[in-house]
Amino acid sequence: MDNEQASGSQGIYHIRVQGQLDEKWADWLDGFVIAPRANGETLLSGPVADQAALHGMLNKLRDLGLPLLLVVQAACPCPKQKCPRHGHCQECAGYHGAKGKLAFCLRERNRWDKLCVAITADG
């Protein structure tokens, strides 16, 4: 365990699955922000406390029968570093959602997305 994990800080994870997932699942999925995409995929973003919490989240997605397309831990990709919502996925998504917009990390085809390493689920 590295020092960052030992200090209790949370990492932000972006998880992409095959299939459409409605926002009503957000509470069951530990408050992750859910963004269905036009291509039949869904992007989930949110903080994860530790590896046990991440595995719990992945187990829930498995139980729903949603194939994993991408799992990546990344700092908040929003270019507005001084934003008071920077790194607070639910707050950021709620703020932008109230304006009828998507948060930066939930928009399709952003530059951060190209840097992610995809891992696919085995059969």
N, C-alpha and C. Protein backbone atom coordinates (compact mmCIF):
# COMPACT_ATOMS: atom_id res chain seq x y z
N MET A 1 0.85 -1.17 0.00
CA MET A 1 0.00 0.00 0.00
C MET A 1 0.90 1.23 0.00
N ASP A 2 0.64 2.17 -0.89
CA ASP A 2 1.47 3.36 -0.94
C ASP A 2 0.98 4.40 0.08
N ASN A 3 1.73 5.47 0.24
CA ASN A 3 1.39 6.48 1.24
C ASN A 3 0.06 7.15 0.98
N GLU A 4 -0.29 7.35 -0.29
CA GLU A 4 -1.55 8.00 -0.61
C GLU A 4 -2.73 7.14 -0.17
N GLN A 5 -2.63 5.83 -0.41
CA GLN A 5 -3.70 4.94 0.01
C GLN A 5 -3.73 4.83 1.53
N ALA A 6 -2.59 4.81 2.16
CA ALA A 6 -2.52 4.68 3.61
C ALA A 6 -3.12 5.88 4.31
N SER A 7 -3.03 7.05 3.70
CA SER A 7 -3.55 8.26 4.33
C SER A 7 -5.06 8.35 4.23
N GLY A 8 -5.70 7.43 3.50
CA GLY A 8 -7.15 7.41 3.41
C GLY A 8 -7.71 8.27 2.29
N SER A 9 -6.87 8.81 1.43
CA SER A 9 -7.38 9.64 0.35
C SER A 9 -8.06 8.77 -0.68
N GLN A 10 -9.05 9.34 -1.36
CA GLN A 10 -9.80 8.60 -2.35
C GLN A 10 -9.25 8.86 -3.73
N GLY A 11 -9.36 7.85 -4.59
CA GLY A 11 -9.01 8.02 -5.98
C GLY A 11 -10.29 8.15 -6.79
N ILE A 12 -10.22 8.84 -7.90
CA ILE A 12 -11.36 8.96 -8.80
C ILE A 12 -11.22 7.89 -9.87
N TYR A 13 -12.28 7.12 -10.06
CA TYR A 13 -12.28 6.07 -11.06
C TYR A 13 -13.31 6.37 -12.13
N HIS A 14 -12.95 6.01 -13.35
CA HIS A 14 -13.84 6.09 -14.49
C HIS A 14 -13.99 4.65 -14.99
N ILE A 15 -15.22 4.18 -15.05
CA ILE A 15 -15.51 2.81 -15.45
C ILE A 15 -16.48 2.86 -16.62
N ARG A 16 -16.12 2.22 -17.71
CA ARG A 16 -17.00 2.17 -18.88
C ARG A 16 -17.49 0.73 -19.04
N VAL A 17 -18.79 0.58 -19.23
CA VAL A 17 -19.39 -0.73 -19.40
C VAL A 17 -20.19 -0.77 -20.70
N GLN A 18 -20.36 -1.97 -21.22
CA GLN A 18 -21.21 -2.16 -22.39
C GLN A 18 -22.64 -2.27 -21.89
N GLY A 19 -23.52 -1.47 -22.44
CA GLY A 19 -24.92 -1.48 -22.05
C GLY A 19 -25.35 -0.14 -21.47
N GLN A 20 -26.64 0.08 -21.51
CA GLN A 20 -27.20 1.33 -20.99
C GLN A 20 -27.61 1.14 -19.54
N LEU A 21 -27.17 2.02 -18.70
CA LEU A 21 -27.49 1.98 -17.28
C LEU A 21 -28.15 3.29 -16.91
N ASP A 22 -29.33 3.21 -16.34
CA ASP A 22 -30.10 4.39 -15.97
C ASP A 22 -29.54 5.02 -14.70
N GLU A 23 -29.75 6.32 -14.55
CA GLU A 23 -29.25 7.04 -13.38
C GLU A 23 -29.89 6.58 -12.08
N LYS A 24 -30.99 5.86 -12.13
CA LYS A 24 -31.64 5.37 -10.91
C LYS A 24 -30.75 4.40 -10.15
N TRP A 25 -29.72 3.86 -10.80
CA TRP A 25 -28.80 2.93 -10.15
C TRP A 25 -27.72 3.63 -9.35
N ALA A 26 -27.63 4.95 -9.40
CA ALA A 26 -26.53 5.70 -8.77
C ALA A 26 -26.40 5.41 -7.28
N ASP A 27 -27.50 5.37 -6.54
CA ASP A 27 -27.40 5.10 -5.10
C ASP A 27 -26.85 3.70 -4.83
N TRP A 28 -27.31 2.71 -5.59
CA TRP A 28 -26.84 1.34 -5.40
C TRP A 28 -25.37 1.21 -5.79
N LEU A 29 -24.93 2.05 -6.72
CA LEU A 29 -23.54 2.03 -7.17
C LEU A 29 -22.71 3.07 -6.42
N ASP A 30 -22.97 3.20 -5.15
CA ASP A 30 -22.17 4.05 -4.24
C ASP A 30 -22.10 5.49 -4.69
N GLY A 31 -23.16 5.98 -5.32
CA GLY A 31 -23.22 7.38 -5.70
C GLY A 31 -22.40 7.76 -6.92
N PHE A 32 -21.93 6.78 -7.67
CA PHE A 32 -21.19 7.10 -8.89
C PHE A 32 -22.08 7.88 -9.84
N VAL A 33 -21.49 8.79 -10.58
CA VAL A 33 -22.21 9.55 -11.60
C VAL A 33 -22.30 8.65 -12.83
N ILE A 34 -23.49 8.55 -13.39
CA ILE A 34 -23.75 7.65 -14.51
C ILE A 34 -24.07 8.47 -15.76
N ALA A 35 -23.36 8.19 -16.85
CA ALA A 35 -23.58 8.91 -18.10
C ALA A 35 -23.73 7.91 -19.24
N PRO A 36 -24.97 7.59 -19.62
CA PRO A 36 -25.18 6.72 -20.79
C PRO A 36 -24.67 7.43 -22.05
N ARG A 37 -24.10 6.66 -22.96
CA ARG A 37 -23.59 7.22 -24.21
C ARG A 37 -24.40 6.72 -25.39
N ALA A 38 -24.36 7.46 -26.46
CA ALA A 38 -25.14 7.14 -27.66
C ALA A 38 -24.73 5.82 -28.29
N ASN A 39 -23.49 5.38 -28.05
CA ASN A 39 -23.00 4.15 -28.67
C ASN A 39 -23.37 2.88 -27.90
N GLY A 40 -24.25 2.99 -26.90
CA GLY A 40 -24.68 1.81 -26.16
C GLY A 40 -23.84 1.52 -24.93
N GLU A 41 -22.88 2.36 -24.63
CA GLU A 41 -22.05 2.20 -23.45
C GLU A 41 -22.51 3.16 -22.36
N THR A 42 -22.02 2.92 -21.15
CA THR A 42 -22.28 3.82 -20.03
C THR A 42 -20.97 4.10 -19.34
N LEU A 43 -20.73 5.37 -19.01
CA LEU A 43 -19.55 5.77 -18.26
C LEU A 43 -19.98 6.09 -16.84
N LEU A 44 -19.28 5.51 -15.87
CA LEU A 44 -19.52 5.77 -14.46
C LEU A 44 -18.27 6.43 -13.90
N SER A 45 -18.44 7.49 -13.14
CA SER A 45 -17.30 8.19 -12.56
C SER A 45 -17.59 8.51 -11.11
N GLY A 46 -16.55 8.36 -10.28
CA GLY A 46 -16.72 8.72 -8.88
C GLY A 46 -15.53 8.33 -8.04
N PRO A 47 -15.54 8.78 -6.79
CA PRO A 47 -14.45 8.47 -5.88
C PRO A 47 -14.58 7.05 -5.31
N VAL A 48 -13.44 6.41 -5.11
CA VAL A 48 -13.39 5.09 -4.52
C VAL A 48 -12.40 5.16 -3.36
N ALA A 49 -12.84 4.74 -2.18
CA ALA A 49 -12.03 4.88 -0.97
C ALA A 49 -10.78 4.02 -1.00
N ASP A 50 -10.89 2.79 -1.49
CA ASP A 50 -9.76 1.87 -1.46
C ASP A 50 -10.02 0.71 -2.42
N GLN A 51 -9.08 -0.24 -2.47
CA GLN A 51 -9.21 -1.36 -3.40
C GLN A 51 -10.42 -2.24 -3.08
N ALA A 52 -10.74 -2.40 -1.81
CA ALA A 52 -11.91 -3.21 -1.43
C ALA A 52 -13.19 -2.58 -1.99
N ALA A 53 -13.29 -1.27 -1.90
CA ALA A 53 -14.46 -0.57 -2.44
C ALA A 53 -14.52 -0.70 -3.96
N LEU A 54 -13.37 -0.63 -4.61
CA LEU A 54 -13.33 -0.80 -6.07
C LEU A 54 -13.82 -2.19 -6.46
N HIS A 55 -13.33 -3.21 -5.77
CA HIS A 55 -13.77 -4.57 -6.08
C HIS A 55 -15.25 -4.75 -5.80
N GLY A 56 -15.77 -4.11 -4.78
CA GLY A 56 -17.21 -4.14 -4.52
C GLY A 56 -18.00 -3.54 -5.67
N MET A 57 -17.52 -2.41 -6.17
CA MET A 57 -18.17 -1.76 -7.32
C MET A 57 -18.14 -2.66 -8.55
N LEU A 58 -17.00 -3.25 -8.83
CA LEU A 58 -16.87 -4.13 -9.99
C LEU A 58 -17.76 -5.36 -9.85
N ASN A 59 -17.90 -5.88 -8.63
CA ASN A 59 -18.79 -7.02 -8.40
C ASN A 59 -20.24 -6.65 -8.67
N LYS A 60 -20.64 -5.44 -8.30
CA LYS A 60 -22.01 -5.00 -8.56
C LYS A 60 -22.27 -4.92 -10.07
N LEU A 61 -21.30 -4.40 -10.80
CA LEU A 61 -21.45 -4.31 -12.25
C LEU A 61 -21.50 -5.70 -12.88
N ARG A 62 -20.69 -6.62 -12.35
CA ARG A 62 -20.74 -8.01 -12.82
C ARG A 62 -22.11 -8.62 -12.56
N ASP A 63 -22.66 -8.36 -11.37
CA ASP A 63 -23.97 -8.91 -11.02
C ASP A 63 -25.07 -8.38 -11.93
N LEU A 64 -24.89 -7.17 -12.46
CA LEU A 64 -25.85 -6.62 -13.41
C LEU A 64 -25.65 -7.18 -14.82
N GLY A 65 -24.58 -7.94 -15.02
CA GLY A 65 -24.31 -8.53 -16.33
C GLY A 65 -23.74 -7.55 -17.33
N LEU A 66 -23.10 -6.49 -16.84
CA LEU A 66 -22.54 -5.47 -17.73
C LEU A 66 -21.05 -5.73 -17.98
N PRO A 67 -20.67 -6.04 -19.21
CA PRO A 67 -19.26 -6.28 -19.52
C PRO A 67 -18.42 -5.02 -19.32
N LEU A 68 -17.27 -5.17 -18.65
CA LEU A 68 -16.35 -4.05 -18.46
C LEU A 68 -15.61 -3.75 -19.75
N LEU A 69 -15.52 -2.48 -20.08
CA LEU A 69 -14.75 -2.04 -21.24
C LEU A 69 -13.52 -1.26 -20.81
N LEU A 70 -13.62 -0.56 -19.67
CA LEU A 70 -12.53 0.31 -19.23
C LEU A 70 -12.64 0.53 -17.73
N VAL A 71 -11.52 0.43 -17.06
CA VAL A 71 -11.42 0.82 -15.66
C VAL A 71 -10.12 1.59 -15.53
N VAL A 72 -10.23 2.84 -15.09
CA VAL A 72 -9.03 3.66 -14.98
C VAL A 72 -9.14 4.58 -13.76
N GLN A 73 -8.05 4.65 -13.01
CA GLN A 73 -7.97 5.63 -11.93
C GLN A 73 -7.25 6.84 -12.48
N ALA A 74 -7.86 7.99 -12.31
CA ALA A 74 -7.26 9.21 -12.85
C ALA A 74 -7.62 10.38 -11.96
N ALA A 75 -6.77 11.34 -11.96
CA ALA A 75 -7.11 12.58 -11.30
C ALA A 75 -8.27 13.21 -12.06
N CYS A 76 -8.94 14.13 -11.44
CA CYS A 76 -10.04 14.82 -12.11
C CYS A 76 -9.50 15.41 -13.42
N PRO A 77 -10.09 15.04 -14.57
CA PRO A 77 -9.55 15.49 -15.85
C PRO A 77 -9.98 16.90 -16.25
N CYS A 78 -10.82 17.53 -15.44
CA CYS A 78 -11.29 18.87 -15.79
C CYS A 78 -10.11 19.83 -15.83
N PRO A 79 -10.02 20.65 -16.87
CA PRO A 79 -8.90 21.58 -16.99
C PRO A 79 -9.00 22.77 -16.03
N LYS A 80 -10.13 22.94 -15.36
CA LYS A 80 -10.32 24.07 -14.44
C LYS A 80 -9.88 23.68 -13.04
N GLN A 81 -8.57 23.70 -12.81
CA GLN A 81 -7.98 23.26 -11.55
C GLN A 81 -8.47 24.04 -10.34
N LYS A 82 -8.84 25.29 -10.50
CA LYS A 82 -9.24 26.12 -9.38
C LYS A 82 -10.74 26.05 -9.09
N CYS A 83 -11.46 25.25 -9.84
CA CYS A 83 -12.90 25.11 -9.63
C CYS A 83 -13.15 24.50 -8.25
N PRO A 84 -14.07 25.04 -7.46
CA PRO A 84 -14.34 24.48 -6.13
C PRO A 84 -14.92 23.07 -6.17
N ARG A 85 -15.42 22.63 -7.32
CA ARG A 85 -15.97 21.28 -7.46
C ARG A 85 -14.96 20.31 -8.06
N HIS A 86 -13.76 20.77 -8.33
CA HIS A 86 -12.71 19.94 -8.94
C HIS A 86 -12.46 18.70 -8.06
N GLY A 87 -12.61 17.51 -8.65
CA GLY A 87 -12.38 16.28 -7.92
C GLY A 87 -13.56 15.78 -7.12
N HIS A 88 -14.67 16.48 -7.15
CA HIS A 88 -15.89 16.09 -6.44
C HIS A 88 -16.95 15.73 -7.47
N CYS A 89 -16.90 14.49 -7.94
CA CYS A 89 -17.69 14.05 -9.10
C CYS A 89 -19.18 14.31 -8.96
N GLN A 90 -19.77 13.91 -7.85
CA GLN A 90 -21.23 14.06 -7.70
C GLN A 90 -21.62 15.53 -7.68
N GLU A 91 -20.88 16.33 -6.93
CA GLU A 91 -21.17 17.76 -6.84
C GLU A 91 -21.03 18.43 -8.21
N CYS A 92 -19.97 18.09 -8.92
CA CYS A 92 -19.71 18.66 -10.24
C CYS A 92 -20.82 18.26 -11.22
N ALA A 93 -21.16 16.98 -11.24
CA ALA A 93 -22.20 16.50 -12.16
C ALA A 93 -23.54 17.14 -11.84
N GLY A 94 -23.84 17.31 -10.55
CA GLY A 94 -25.09 17.95 -10.16
C GLY A 94 -25.14 19.41 -10.58
N TYR A 95 -24.03 20.09 -10.40
CA TYR A 95 -23.93 21.51 -10.77
C TYR A 95 -24.17 21.68 -12.27
N HIS A 96 -23.46 20.91 -13.07
CA HIS A 96 -23.59 21.04 -14.52
C HIS A 96 -24.93 20.49 -15.00
N GLY A 97 -25.41 19.41 -14.37
CA GLY A 97 -26.70 18.84 -14.74
C GLY A 97 -27.85 19.81 -14.54
N ALA A 98 -27.77 20.62 -13.48
CA ALA A 98 -28.80 21.63 -13.23
C ALA A 98 -28.84 22.67 -14.35
N LYS A 99 -27.73 22.81 -15.06
CA LYS A 99 -27.65 23.74 -16.19
C LYS A 99 -27.92 23.04 -17.52
N GLY A 100 -28.26 21.73 -17.45
CA GLY A 100 -28.54 20.97 -18.66
C GLY A 100 -27.29 20.56 -19.41
N LYS A 101 -26.16 20.48 -18.71
CA LYS A 101 -24.90 20.12 -19.35
C LYS A 101 -24.27 18.93 -18.64
N LEU A 102 -23.28 18.31 -19.28
CA LEU A 102 -22.51 17.25 -18.66
C LEU A 102 -21.20 17.80 -18.12
N ALA A 103 -20.76 17.22 -17.02
CA ALA A 103 -19.43 17.56 -16.49
C ALA A 103 -18.38 17.17 -17.53
N PHE A 104 -17.23 17.80 -17.49
CA PHE A 104 -16.16 17.59 -18.47
C PHE A 104 -15.83 16.10 -18.64
N CYS A 105 -15.65 15.38 -17.52
CA CYS A 105 -15.21 13.99 -17.62
C CYS A 105 -16.28 13.06 -18.18
N LEU A 106 -17.52 13.50 -18.21
CA LEU A 106 -18.60 12.66 -18.71
C LEU A 106 -18.94 12.92 -20.17
N ARG A 107 -18.34 13.94 -20.75
CA ARG A 107 -18.56 14.23 -22.17
C ARG A 107 -17.85 13.19 -23.02
N GLU A 108 -18.42 12.89 -24.14
CA GLU A 108 -17.81 11.90 -25.03
C GLU A 108 -16.60 12.48 -25.76
N ARG A 109 -15.62 11.61 -25.97
CA ARG A 109 -14.44 11.91 -26.78
C ARG A 109 -13.59 13.07 -26.26
N ASN A 110 -13.33 13.07 -24.98
CA ASN A 110 -12.42 14.06 -24.42
C ASN A 110 -10.99 13.55 -24.53
N ARG A 111 -10.05 14.46 -24.45
CA ARG A 111 -8.65 14.09 -24.61
C ARG A 111 -8.18 13.14 -23.51
N TRP A 112 -8.73 13.26 -22.28
CA TRP A 112 -8.29 12.36 -21.21
C TRP A 112 -8.64 10.93 -21.54
N ASP A 113 -9.74 10.73 -22.24
CA ASP A 113 -10.22 9.39 -22.57
C ASP A 113 -9.22 8.65 -23.46
N LYS A 114 -8.54 9.38 -24.31
CA LYS A 114 -7.56 8.76 -25.22
C LYS A 114 -6.34 8.24 -24.47
N LEU A 115 -6.10 8.76 -23.26
CA LEU A 115 -4.93 8.35 -22.49
C LEU A 115 -5.18 7.11 -21.64
N CYS A 116 -6.43 6.71 -21.52
CA CYS A 116 -6.79 5.59 -20.67
C CYS A 116 -6.36 4.27 -21.29
N VAL A 117 -6.03 3.33 -20.45
CA VAL A 117 -5.71 1.99 -20.91
C VAL A 117 -6.92 1.11 -20.68
N ALA A 118 -7.43 0.53 -21.75
CA ALA A 118 -8.63 -0.30 -21.64
C ALA A 118 -8.27 -1.69 -21.12
N ILE A 119 -9.13 -2.18 -20.26
CA ILE A 119 -9.02 -3.58 -19.88
C ILE A 119 -10.40 -4.19 -20.13
N THR A 120 -10.41 -5.31 -20.79
CA THR A 120 -11.68 -5.93 -21.09
C THR A 120 -11.87 -7.16 -20.21
N ALA A 121 -13.11 -7.43 -19.91
CA ALA A 121 -13.43 -8.60 -19.10
C ALA A 121 -13.28 -9.85 -19.95
N ASP A 122 -12.78 -10.89 -19.34
CA ASP A 122 -12.67 -12.17 -20.04
C ASP A 122 -14.02 -12.87 -20.00
N GLY A 123 -14.51 -13.17 -21.21
CA GLY A 123 -15.71 -13.92 -21.43
C GLY A 123 -16.71 -13.85 -20.39
